[in-house]
Amino acid sequence: MTLQKLGIIGYGAAGNKIVKDAAIEIDDSESIAVNSTELDVENVKEYVNDVILIGTNGCGKKRSVGKSMVKEKYMNYTNGINSKISDCTMIPNI
């Protein structure tokens, strides 16, 4: 049986935690953590395949600010994500 390669993209602190856990548990996965603060990615960067930092100071736990940052910078990092996960069969965005 051929196993499918899983690509996992996690946004923000909660998404990054899920991506970290998945990267530890699933051997053949491509895991990407997207966050707006370097402090948050420090906890996951040694476990995930890639980290995309879309800011420096974060959003101060203000969800609307975080969503705006992701939307504003989406086109800048989406091509990089697409090239890393192009061979994945399933790609949940968390």
C-alpha atoms as a PDB file:
ATOM      1  CA  MET A   1       0.000   0.000   0.000  1.00  0.00           C
ATOM      2  CA  THR A   2       1.295   3.455  -0.934  1.00  0.00           C
ATOM      3  CA  LEU A   3       0.978   6.059   1.770  1.00  0.00           C
ATOM      4  CA  GLN A   4       0.031   9.588   0.853  1.00  0.00           C
ATOM      5  CA  LYS A   5       2.328  12.483   1.691  1.00  0.00           C
ATOM      6  CA  LEU A   6       0.674  15.012   3.973  1.00  0.00           C
ATOM      7  CA  GLY A   7       1.388  18.733   3.826  1.00  0.00           C
ATOM      8  CA  ILE A   8       0.368  20.675   6.919  1.00  0.00           C
ATOM      9  CA  ILE A   9       0.232  24.459   7.167  1.00  0.00           C
ATOM     10  CA  GLY A  10      -0.400  26.030  10.567  1.00  0.00           C
ATOM     11  CA  TYR A  11      -1.170  29.691  11.158  1.00  0.00           C
ATOM     12  CA  GLY A  12      -0.640  31.439  14.493  1.00  0.00           C
ATOM     13  CA  ALA A  13       0.256  29.940  17.843  1.00  0.00           C
ATOM     14  CA  ALA A  14      -2.476  27.273  17.886  1.00  0.00           C
ATOM     15  CA  GLY A  15      -1.917  26.232  14.263  1.00  0.00           C
ATOM     16  CA  ASN A  16       1.826  26.085  14.829  1.00  0.00           C
ATOM     17  CA  LYS A  17       1.343  23.784  17.840  1.00  0.00           C
ATOM     18  CA  ILE A  18      -0.765  21.408  15.747  1.00  0.00           C
ATOM     19  CA  VAL A  19       1.813  21.462  12.933  1.00  0.00           C
ATOM     20  CA  LYS A  20       4.592  20.695  15.427  1.00  0.00           C
ATOM     21  CA  ASP A  21       2.671  17.738  16.872  1.00  0.00           C
ATOM     22  CA  ALA A  22       1.858  16.415  13.401  1.00  0.00           C
ATOM     23  CA  ALA A  23       5.487  16.759  12.276  1.00  0.00           C
ATOM     24  CA  ILE A  24       6.586  14.684  15.257  1.00  0.00           C
ATOM     25  CA  GLU A  25       3.943  11.977  14.703  1.00  0.00           C
ATOM     26  CA  ILE A  26       3.871  11.725  10.882  1.00  0.00           C
ATOM     27  CA  ASP A  27       7.160  10.780   9.252  1.00  0.00           C
ATOM     28  CA  ASP A  28       6.357  11.607   5.638  1.00  0.00           C
ATOM     29  CA  SER A  29       4.912  15.074   5.995  1.00  0.00           C
ATOM     30  CA  GLU A  30       5.794  18.574   4.893  1.00  0.00           C
ATOM     31  CA  SER A  31       5.067  20.909   7.791  1.00  0.00           C
ATOM     32  CA  ILE A  32       5.035  24.691   7.546  1.00  0.00           C
ATOM     33  CA  ALA A  33       4.439  27.109  10.427  1.00  0.00           C
ATOM     34  CA  VAL A  34       3.277  30.626   9.533  1.00  0.00           C
ATOM     35  CA  ASN A  35       3.390  33.232  12.266  1.00  0.00           C
ATOM     36  CA  SER A  36       3.689  36.966  12.829  1.00  0.00           C
ATOM     37  CA  THR A  37       6.195  36.821  15.666  1.00  0.00           C
ATOM     38  CA  GLU A  38       9.560  35.164  15.989  1.00  0.00           C
ATOM     39  CA  LEU A  39       8.891  34.423  19.654  1.00  0.00           C
ATOM     40  CA  ASP A  40       6.074  31.998  18.750  1.00  0.00           C
ATOM     41  CA  VAL A  41       8.056  30.136  16.097  1.00  0.00           C
ATOM     42  CA  GLU A  42      10.966  29.525  18.467  1.00  0.00           C
ATOM     43  CA  ASN A  43       8.928  26.681  20.017  1.00  0.00           C
ATOM     44  CA  VAL A  44       8.287  24.895  16.719  1.00  0.00           C
ATOM     45  CA  LYS A  45      11.134  25.628  14.315  1.00  0.00           C
ATOM     46  CA  GLU A  46      13.239  22.610  15.259  1.00  0.00           C
ATOM     47  CA  TYR A  47      10.320  20.253  14.527  1.00  0.00           C
ATOM     48  CA  VAL A  48       8.738  21.645  11.348  1.00  0.00           C
ATOM     49  CA  ASN A  49      10.174  21.638   7.836  1.00  0.00           C
ATOM     50  CA  ASP A  50       9.825  25.370   7.344  1.00  0.00           C
ATOM     51  CA  VAL A  51       8.856  28.566   9.145  1.00  0.00           C
ATOM     52  CA  ILE A  52       7.408  31.581   7.398  1.00  0.00           C
ATOM     53  CA  LEU A  53       7.614  34.761   9.444  1.00  0.00           C
ATOM     54  CA  ILE A  54       5.159  37.392   8.228  1.00  0.00           C
ATOM     55  CA  GLY A  55       5.994  40.036  10.814  1.00  0.00           C
ATOM     56  CA  THR A  56       8.310  40.696  13.714  1.00  0.00           C
ATOM     57  CA  ASN A  57       6.294  41.940  16.673  1.00  0.00           C
ATOM     58  CA  GLY A  58       3.189  39.812  16.306  1.00  0.00           C
ATOM     59  CA  CYS A  59      -0.388  40.926  16.611  1.00  0.00           C
ATOM     60  CA  GLY A  60      -0.719  41.125  20.394  1.00  0.00           C
ATOM     61  CA  LYS A  61      -3.337  38.350  20.519  1.00  0.00           C
ATOM     62  CA  LYS A  62      -5.667  40.541  18.441  1.00  0.00           C
ATOM     63  CA  ARG A  63      -7.168  38.121  15.944  1.00  0.00           C
ATOM     64  CA  SER A  64      -8.333  40.835  13.553  1.00  0.00           C
ATOM     65  CA  VAL A  65      -4.802  42.262  13.368  1.00  0.00           C
ATOM     66  CA  GLY A  66      -3.351  38.795  12.755  1.00  0.00           C
ATOM     67  CA  LYS A  67      -5.863  38.079   9.987  1.00  0.00           C
ATOM     68  CA  SER A  68      -5.029  41.409   8.345  1.00  0.00           C
ATOM     69  CA  MET A  69      -1.315  40.586   8.440  1.00  0.00           C
ATOM     70  CA  VAL A  70      -1.901  37.208   6.796  1.00  0.00           C
ATOM     71  CA  LYS A  71      -4.091  38.730   4.082  1.00  0.00           C
ATOM     72  CA  GLU A  72      -1.655  41.578   3.449  1.00  0.00           C
ATOM     73  CA  LYS A  73       1.375  39.312   3.093  1.00  0.00           C
ATOM     74  CA  TYR A  74      -0.397  36.289   1.548  1.00  0.00           C
ATOM     75  CA  MET A  75       0.896  36.742  -1.988  1.00  0.00           C
ATOM     76  CA  ASN A  76       4.450  37.203  -0.712  1.00  0.00           C
ATOM     77  CA  TYR A  77       4.627  33.796   0.931  1.00  0.00           C
ATOM     78  CA  THR A  78       2.063  31.685  -0.925  1.00  0.00           C
ATOM     79  CA  ASN A  79       4.396  30.859  -3.855  1.00  0.00           C
ATOM     80  CA  GLY A  80       7.009  29.590  -1.416  1.00  0.00           C
ATOM     81  CA  ILE A  81       4.428  27.405   0.293  1.00  0.00           C
ATOM     82  CA  ASN A  82       3.120  26.047  -3.006  1.00  0.00           C
ATOM     83  CA  SER A  83       6.583  24.943  -4.122  1.00  0.00           C
ATOM     84  CA  LYS A  84       7.194  23.119  -0.817  1.00  0.00           C
ATOM     85  CA  ILE A  85       3.897  21.210  -0.812  1.00  0.00           C
ATOM     86  CA  SER A  86       3.438  20.525  -4.518  1.00  0.00           C
ATOM     87  CA  ASP A  87       4.073  16.785  -4.071  1.00  0.00           C
ATOM     88  CA  CYS A  88       1.664  16.430  -1.127  1.00  0.00           C
ATOM     89  CA  THR A  89      -1.664  14.691  -1.564  1.00  0.00           C
ATOM     90  CA  MET A  90      -3.545  16.223   1.360  1.00  0.00           C
ATOM     91  CA  ILE A  91      -2.972  19.732   2.633  1.00  0.00           C
ATOM     92  CA  PRO A  92      -4.979  20.819   5.677  1.00  0.00           C
ATOM     93  CA  ASN A  93      -4.615  24.504   6.616  1.00  0.00           C
ATOM     94  CA  ILE A  94      -4.909  24.907  10.359  1.00  0.00           C
END
